[in-house]
N, C-alpha and C. Protein backbone atom coordinates (compact mmCIF):
# COMPACT_ATOMS: atom_id res chain seq x y z
N MET A 1 0.72 -0.98 0.28
CA MET A 1 -0.05 -0.19 0.11
C MET A 1 0.80 1.30 0.06
N LYS A 2 1.76 0.87 1.13
CA LYS A 2 2.72 2.32 0.85
C LYS A 2 3.69 2.32 -0.39
N PHE A 3 3.79 1.36 -1.18
CA PHE A 3 4.51 1.74 -2.65
C PHE A 3 3.71 1.90 -3.44
N ILE A 4 1.99 1.84 -3.43
CA ILE A 4 1.43 2.78 -4.15
C ILE A 4 1.22 4.29 -4.12
N LEU A 5 0.93 4.25 -2.72
CA LEU A 5 0.75 5.99 -2.13
C LEU A 5 1.81 6.28 -2.60
N SER A 6 3.47 5.84 -2.80
CA SER A 6 4.43 6.51 -3.18
C SER A 6 4.26 6.95 -4.44
N ALA A 7 4.28 5.79 -5.28
CA ALA A 7 4.24 5.88 -6.56
C ALA A 7 3.06 7.24 -7.40
N LEU A 8 1.82 6.74 -6.83
CA LEU A 8 1.16 8.31 -6.80
C LEU A 8 1.11 9.40 -6.51
N SER A 9 1.88 9.81 -5.73
CA SER A 9 2.55 11.17 -4.62
C SER A 9 3.83 11.52 -5.73
N ILE A 10 4.30 10.75 -6.09
CA ILE A 10 5.46 11.16 -6.91
C ILE A 10 5.23 11.16 -8.66
N LEU A 11 3.87 10.90 -8.68
CA LEU A 11 3.63 11.00 -10.02
C LEU A 11 2.76 12.49 -10.24
N THR A 12 1.95 12.63 -8.80
CA THR A 12 1.72 13.88 -8.82
C THR A 12 2.22 15.06 -8.73
N LEU A 13 3.18 14.76 -7.76
CA LEU A 13 4.61 15.73 -7.96
C LEU A 13 5.01 15.87 -8.89
N GLY A 14 5.67 14.93 -10.04
CA GLY A 14 5.95 15.53 -11.13
C GLY A 14 5.12 16.04 -12.26
N THR A 15 3.66 16.18 -12.04
CA THR A 15 2.79 16.65 -12.77
C THR A 15 2.38 18.17 -12.02
N GLY A 16 2.45 18.25 -10.85
CA GLY A 16 2.84 19.97 -10.67
C GLY A 16 3.93 20.31 -11.04
N LEU A 17 4.84 19.43 -10.60
CA LEU A 17 6.11 20.60 -11.49
C LEU A 17 6.32 21.15 -13.18
N ALA A 18 5.50 19.87 -13.69
CA ALA A 18 5.24 20.05 -14.79
C ALA A 18 4.49 21.66 -15.29
N ILE A 19 3.06 21.45 -14.57
CA ILE A 19 2.12 22.51 -14.48
C ILE A 19 3.15 23.99 -14.05
N VAL A 20 3.81 23.81 -13.61
CA VAL A 20 4.66 25.37 -12.64
C VAL A 20 5.75 25.49 -13.99
N CYS A 21 6.13 24.09 -14.84
CA CYS A 21 7.54 25.19 -15.83
C CYS A 21 6.46 25.35 -17.07
N VAL A 22 4.83 24.71 -17.33
CA VAL A 22 4.78 25.27 -18.44
C VAL A 22 3.85 26.89 -18.22
N GLY A 23 3.46 27.29 -17.28
CA GLY A 23 3.26 28.42 -16.55
C GLY A 23 4.40 29.06 -16.42
N ALA A 24 5.99 29.16 -16.04
CA ALA A 24 7.02 29.70 -15.97
C ALA A 24 7.57 29.90 -17.65
N PHE A 25 7.02 28.77 -18.60
CA PHE A 25 7.52 28.99 -19.70
C PHE A 25 6.77 30.68 -20.37
N PHE A 26 5.30 30.34 -20.52
CA PHE A 26 4.57 31.19 -20.88
C PHE A 26 4.97 32.51 -20.01
N LEU A 27 4.97 32.65 -18.85
CA LEU A 27 5.40 33.94 -17.84
C LEU A 27 6.56 34.28 -18.28
N LYS A 28 7.75 33.66 -19.25
CA LYS A 28 8.98 34.10 -19.03
C LYS A 28 8.56 34.97 -20.89
N ARG A 29 7.62 34.63 -21.82
CA ARG A 29 7.49 34.99 -23.37
C ARG A 29 6.89 35.88 -22.75
N LEU A 30 5.92 36.24 -21.89
CA LEU A 30 5.27 37.33 -21.31
C LEU A 30 6.47 38.67 -20.92
N ASP A 31 7.41 38.27 -20.70
CA ASP A 31 8.34 39.41 -20.27
C ASP A 31 8.34 40.08 -21.42
N ASP A 32 8.70 39.48 -22.67
CA ASP A 32 9.17 40.47 -23.48
C ASP A 32 8.19 41.37 -24.02
N HIS A 33 6.92 41.33 -23.66
CA HIS A 33 5.86 42.05 -24.44
C HIS A 33 5.01 42.89 -23.23
N ALA A 34 6.47 43.55 -22.03
CA ALA A 34 5.68 44.16 -21.36
C ALA A 34 4.93 45.21 -21.58
N PHE A 35 5.58 45.76 -22.98
CA PHE A 35 5.24 47.32 -22.73
C PHE A 35 4.24 47.47 -23.87
N GLY A 36 3.28 46.28 -24.30
CA GLY A 36 2.51 45.78 -25.15
C GLY A 36 0.82 46.83 -24.37
N ASP A 37 -0.08 46.40 -24.82
CA ASP A 37 -1.58 47.10 -24.14
C ASP A 37 -1.41 46.23 -22.48
N PRO A 38 -1.82 46.90 -22.19
CA PRO A 38 -1.93 46.65 -20.62
C PRO A 38 -2.82 45.87 -19.69
N ALA A 39 -3.84 46.06 -20.78
CA ALA A 39 -4.90 45.30 -20.51
C ALA A 39 -4.86 43.53 -20.56
N VAL A 40 -4.30 43.53 -21.75
CA VAL A 40 -4.04 41.86 -22.68
C VAL A 40 -2.54 41.35 -21.34
N PHE A 41 -1.82 42.22 -21.25
CA PHE A 41 -0.59 41.69 -20.37
C PHE A 41 -1.07 41.18 -19.29
N TYR A 42 -1.64 42.00 -18.33
CA TYR A 42 -1.99 42.00 -17.21
C TYR A 42 -2.78 40.55 -17.18
N GLY A 43 -4.05 40.66 -18.21
CA GLY A 43 -4.66 39.59 -18.09
C GLY A 43 -4.01 38.04 -18.27
N ALA A 44 -3.32 37.84 -19.70
CA ALA A 44 -2.45 37.02 -19.56
C ALA A 44 -1.09 36.59 -18.41
N ALA A 45 -0.94 37.77 -17.59
CA ALA A 45 -0.18 37.71 -16.55
C ALA A 45 -0.52 36.80 -15.44
N HIS A 46 -1.54 37.13 -15.33
CA HIS A 46 -2.80 36.66 -14.45
C HIS A 46 -3.41 35.33 -14.72
N HIS A 47 -3.67 35.01 -15.69
CA HIS A 47 -3.87 33.58 -16.21
C HIS A 47 -2.84 32.57 -16.22
N TYR A 48 -1.42 33.50 -16.54
CA TYR A 48 -0.53 32.22 -16.60
C TYR A 48 0.12 32.21 -14.64
N GLY A 49 -0.23 33.46 -14.33
CA GLY A 49 0.34 33.06 -13.14
C GLY A 49 -0.64 32.39 -12.14
N SER A 50 -1.52 32.14 -12.58
CA SER A 50 -2.60 31.30 -11.62
C SER A 50 -2.31 29.65 -12.10
N ILE A 51 -1.78 29.50 -13.41
CA ILE A 51 -1.56 28.70 -13.99
C ILE A 51 -0.43 27.91 -12.84
N THR A 52 0.40 28.48 -13.03
CA THR A 52 1.92 28.50 -11.54
C THR A 52 1.21 28.22 -10.51
N SER A 53 0.76 29.26 -10.01
CA SER A 53 0.26 28.57 -8.86
C SER A 53 -0.87 27.48 -8.27
N THR A 54 -1.45 26.95 -9.10
CA THR A 54 -2.03 25.77 -9.34
C THR A 54 -1.23 24.79 -9.38
N GLY A 55 -0.30 24.75 -10.45
CA GLY A 55 0.91 23.68 -10.24
C GLY A 55 1.76 23.41 -8.78
N SER A 56 2.06 24.29 -8.19
CA SER A 56 2.12 24.81 -6.63
C SER A 56 1.78 23.42 -5.72
N ILE A 57 0.13 24.11 -6.09
CA ILE A 57 -0.61 23.70 -4.90
C ILE A 57 -0.65 21.89 -5.12
N VAL A 58 -0.90 21.74 -6.69
CA VAL A 58 -0.38 20.10 -6.79
C VAL A 58 0.48 19.28 -6.50
N CYS A 59 1.32 20.52 -6.41
CA CYS A 59 3.27 19.73 -5.92
C CYS A 59 3.08 19.51 -4.54
N LEU A 60 2.67 20.38 -3.52
CA LEU A 60 2.17 20.54 -2.10
C LEU A 60 1.47 19.03 -1.72
N ILE A 61 0.14 18.62 -2.82
CA ILE A 61 -0.63 17.84 -2.32
C ILE A 61 0.13 16.37 -2.67
N GLY A 62 1.16 16.48 -4.13
CA GLY A 62 2.02 15.23 -3.61
C GLY A 62 2.97 15.19 -2.87
N CYS A 63 3.21 16.25 -2.13
CA CYS A 63 4.19 15.98 -0.88
C CYS A 63 3.53 15.63 0.43
N ILE A 64 2.28 15.65 0.31
CA ILE A 64 1.43 15.51 1.46
C ILE A 64 1.45 13.92 1.62
N GLY A 65 1.23 12.97 0.40
CA GLY A 65 1.39 11.72 -0.15
C GLY A 65 2.29 11.21 0.26
N LEU A 66 3.47 11.77 -0.32
CA LEU A 66 4.85 11.14 -0.42
C LEU A 66 5.42 11.38 1.28
N ALA A 67 4.74 12.13 2.45
CA ALA A 67 5.13 12.33 3.75
C ALA A 67 4.32 11.39 4.45
N LEU A 68 3.21 10.93 4.05
CA LEU A 68 2.52 10.33 4.69
C LEU A 68 2.88 8.90 4.19
N ALA A 69 3.38 8.33 3.03
CA ALA A 69 4.10 7.50 2.94
C ALA A 69 5.33 6.91 3.29
N LEU A 70 6.19 7.66 3.98
CA LEU A 70 7.48 7.64 4.61
C LEU A 70 7.45 7.44 6.12
N ASP A 71 8.14 6.88 6.91
CA ASP A 71 8.85 6.59 8.22
C ASP A 71 9.01 7.66 9.00
N HIS A 72 8.90 8.33 10.12
CA HIS A 72 9.48 9.51 10.73
C HIS A 72 10.85 9.86 10.47
N THR A 73 11.82 8.86 10.23
CA THR A 73 13.37 9.17 10.06
C THR A 73 13.68 9.73 8.59
N LYS A 74 12.89 9.22 7.13
CA LYS A 74 12.97 9.36 6.51
C LYS A 74 12.12 10.50 6.02
N GLY A 75 11.43 11.03 7.00
CA GLY A 75 10.60 12.17 6.91
C GLY A 75 10.86 13.72 7.44
N PHE A 76 11.96 13.23 8.44
CA PHE A 76 12.96 13.97 8.69
C PHE A 76 13.93 14.83 7.54
N HIS A 77 14.38 13.48 7.40
CA HIS A 77 15.91 13.53 6.28
C HIS A 77 14.97 14.60 4.73
N ALA A 78 13.84 14.40 4.85
CA ALA A 78 13.13 15.20 3.39
C ALA A 78 12.65 16.14 3.78
N ALA A 79 12.15 16.63 4.94
CA ALA A 79 12.15 17.81 5.35
C ALA A 79 13.62 18.56 5.58
N ARG A 80 14.77 17.94 6.41
CA ARG A 80 15.83 18.62 6.01
C ARG A 80 15.91 18.83 4.39
N ASN A 81 16.41 17.74 3.79
CA ASN A 81 16.69 18.39 2.14
C ASN A 81 15.85 19.35 1.52
N SER A 82 14.45 19.60 2.11
CA SER A 82 13.79 20.28 1.32
C SER A 82 14.03 21.77 1.96
N ALA A 83 14.41 21.95 3.24
CA ALA A 83 14.73 23.39 3.67
C ALA A 83 15.82 23.48 3.33
N LEU A 84 16.52 23.14 2.76
CA LEU A 84 18.30 23.15 2.34
C LEU A 84 17.76 23.75 0.72
N ILE A 85 16.97 23.52 -0.41
CA ILE A 85 17.01 23.50 -1.07
C ILE A 85 16.02 24.61 -1.06
N ALA A 86 14.99 25.10 -0.73
CA ALA A 86 14.29 26.09 -0.40
C ALA A 86 15.17 27.50 -0.34
N PHE A 87 15.83 27.26 1.00
CA PHE A 87 17.12 28.48 1.04
C PHE A 87 17.94 28.22 -0.49
N ALA A 88 18.43 27.58 -0.82
CA ALA A 88 19.04 27.75 -2.23
C ALA A 88 18.30 28.61 -3.20
N THR A 89 17.24 27.74 -3.20
CA THR A 89 16.09 28.54 -3.84
C THR A 89 15.83 29.88 -4.15
N ALA A 90 15.72 30.30 -2.19
CA ALA A 90 15.94 31.76 -2.18
C ALA A 90 16.93 32.58 -2.40
N ILE A 91 18.18 31.84 -2.19
CA ILE A 91 19.54 32.53 -3.01
C ILE A 91 19.26 32.79 -3.94
N PHE A 92 19.72 31.95 -4.59
CA PHE A 92 20.01 31.63 -6.04
C PHE A 92 18.81 32.04 -7.36
N GLY A 93 17.58 31.91 -6.60
CA GLY A 93 16.55 32.30 -7.46
C GLY A 93 16.15 33.78 -8.01
N LEU A 94 16.88 34.42 -6.72
CA LEU A 94 16.96 35.85 -7.16
C LEU A 94 18.02 36.55 -8.64
N PHE A 95 18.52 35.31 -9.02
CA PHE A 95 19.47 35.56 -9.85
C PHE A 95 19.04 35.04 -11.81
N PHE A 96 18.31 33.92 -11.11
CA PHE A 96 17.27 33.48 -12.47
C PHE A 96 16.06 34.10 -12.39
N PHE A 97 15.59 34.80 -11.69
CA PHE A 97 13.90 35.05 -11.90
C PHE A 97 13.82 36.27 -11.76
N PRO A 98 13.82 37.31 -12.54
CA PRO A 98 13.90 38.71 -12.25
C PRO A 98 12.11 38.98 -11.64
N ILE A 99 12.64 39.73 -10.20
CA ILE A 99 11.34 40.11 -9.41
C ILE A 99 9.96 41.00 -10.31
N HIS A 100 10.74 41.99 -10.89
CA HIS A 100 10.25 43.37 -11.77
C HIS A 100 9.44 42.55 -12.58
N ASN A 101 10.01 41.51 -13.27
CA ASN A 101 8.70 41.15 -14.70
C ASN A 101 7.80 40.33 -14.09
N ALA A 102 6.84 39.81 -15.40
CA ALA A 102 6.10 38.69 -14.86
C ALA A 102 6.46 37.62 -14.31
N SER A 103 7.92 36.85 -15.14
CA SER A 103 8.00 35.52 -14.40
C SER A 103 8.80 35.70 -12.98
N GLY A 104 8.63 36.59 -12.44
CA GLY A 104 8.90 36.82 -10.77
C GLY A 104 7.87 36.35 -10.27
N ALA A 105 6.92 35.91 -10.77
CA ALA A 105 5.96 35.22 -9.54
C ALA A 105 6.04 33.58 -9.59
N VAL A 106 7.13 32.89 -10.70
CA VAL A 106 7.43 31.52 -10.39
C VAL A 106 8.28 31.55 -9.36
N TYR A 107 8.94 32.36 -9.21
CA TYR A 107 10.17 32.56 -7.72
C TYR A 107 9.09 32.23 -6.54
N GLY A 108 8.36 33.28 -6.12
CA GLY A 108 7.10 33.09 -5.11
C GLY A 108 6.50 31.67 -4.91
N ASP A 109 6.64 31.36 -6.28
CA ASP A 109 5.91 29.60 -6.47
C ASP A 109 6.50 28.81 -5.44
N LEU A 110 7.74 28.57 -6.27
CA LEU A 110 8.91 27.85 -6.03
C LEU A 110 9.43 28.10 -4.36
N LEU A 111 9.49 29.04 -4.02
CA LEU A 111 9.69 29.15 -2.69
C LEU A 111 8.30 28.93 -1.69
N PHE A 112 7.02 28.77 -1.86
CA PHE A 112 5.45 28.52 -1.70
C PHE A 112 6.18 27.05 -1.36
N VAL A 113 6.39 26.25 -2.76
CA VAL A 113 6.55 24.86 -2.35
C VAL A 113 7.72 24.10 -1.62
N THR A 114 9.09 24.84 -2.31
CA THR A 114 9.91 24.34 -1.21
C THR A 114 9.89 24.27 0.34
N PHE A 115 9.50 25.67 0.60
CA PHE A 115 9.15 25.88 2.21
C PHE A 115 7.96 24.84 2.27
N GLY A 116 7.20 24.71 1.75
CA GLY A 116 5.69 23.97 2.03
C GLY A 116 5.50 22.95 2.12
N ALA A 117 6.89 22.50 1.41
CA ALA A 117 6.93 20.87 1.43
C ALA A 117 8.20 20.42 2.86
N SER A 118 9.01 21.75 3.27
CA SER A 118 9.87 21.20 4.04
C SER A 118 8.65 20.84 5.28
N LEU A 119 7.83 21.97 5.52
CA LEU A 119 6.69 22.09 6.44
C LEU A 119 5.93 20.99 6.74
N ILE A 120 5.23 20.69 5.69
CA ILE A 120 4.45 19.10 5.64
C ILE A 120 5.47 18.35 5.60
N PHE A 121 6.44 17.78 5.57
CA PHE A 121 7.25 16.68 6.25
C PHE A 121 7.99 16.49 7.56
N VAL A 122 8.08 18.17 7.92
CA VAL A 122 8.41 18.30 9.57
C VAL A 122 7.06 17.76 10.22
N LEU A 123 6.15 18.47 9.79
CA LEU A 123 4.92 18.04 10.89
C LEU A 123 4.48 16.63 10.79
N VAL A 124 4.93 16.21 9.48
CA VAL A 124 3.78 14.56 9.24
C VAL A 124 5.05 13.43 10.44
N ALA A 125 6.13 14.11 10.08
CA ALA A 125 6.98 13.24 10.64
C ALA A 125 7.45 13.28 12.46
N SER A 126 7.07 14.54 12.60
CA SER A 126 6.75 14.71 14.09
C SER A 126 5.71 14.16 14.86
N ALA A 127 4.33 14.03 14.22
CA ALA A 127 3.65 13.24 14.23
C ALA A 127 4.00 11.79 14.30
N ARG A 128 4.39 11.36 13.57
CA ARG A 128 4.50 9.97 13.53
C ARG A 128 5.77 9.44 14.85
N TRP A 129 6.57 10.49 14.89
CA TRP A 129 7.54 10.15 15.98
C TRP A 129 6.58 10.50 17.23
N ILE A 130 5.42 11.30 17.62
CA ILE A 130 5.05 10.96 18.81
C ILE A 130 4.43 10.03 18.72
N SER A 131 4.30 9.80 17.68
CA SER A 131 2.96 8.61 18.09
C SER A 131 3.68 7.13 18.32
N CYS A 132 4.88 7.08 17.63
CA CYS A 132 6.13 5.82 17.80
C CYS A 132 6.10 5.89 19.18
N LYS A 133 7.00 7.58 20.14
CA LYS A 133 6.93 7.19 21.17
C LYS A 133 5.91 6.92 22.19
N THR A 134 4.63 7.32 21.88
CA THR A 134 3.57 6.62 22.76
C THR A 134 3.53 5.52 23.01
N ARG A 135 3.16 5.40 22.01
CA ARG A 135 2.86 3.83 21.77
C ARG A 135 4.28 2.84 22.58
N SER A 136 5.27 3.24 22.71
CA SER A 136 6.60 2.31 23.42
C SER A 136 6.60 2.41 24.36
N THR A 137 5.80 3.56 24.95
CA THR A 137 6.20 3.25 26.51
C THR A 137 4.65 3.16 27.25
N ARG A 138 3.80 2.78 26.71
CA ARG A 138 2.69 2.00 27.24
C ARG A 138 3.19 0.55 27.51
């Protein structure tokens, strides 16, 4: 059962990342058309920004399933790794995603996914650790 949950979670996580990549691609292409009609530009930026936001939520849903499939030690390792990736994204993402352009929204979505995944993994692993400790003291 854990294998099936892990496989579905990884597929969901991959699907979410693909959705974020599609939104990021279109937002990057939209950066070149920033000086056209403002109504069309802001409408398109809102549309593609909502695509990347939806992809980040799908990624977090995949992380929830993956966190439920892991035991508490692997969950803590995944939380640590996600936090390290989040800090690397926070530092190096500033060089890759210009905040003042439309594609800067992807930077916020990536931070949301990485810090959110770290939080999900640490919460689920902590709950499993507490459950394991309370069962062993009985």
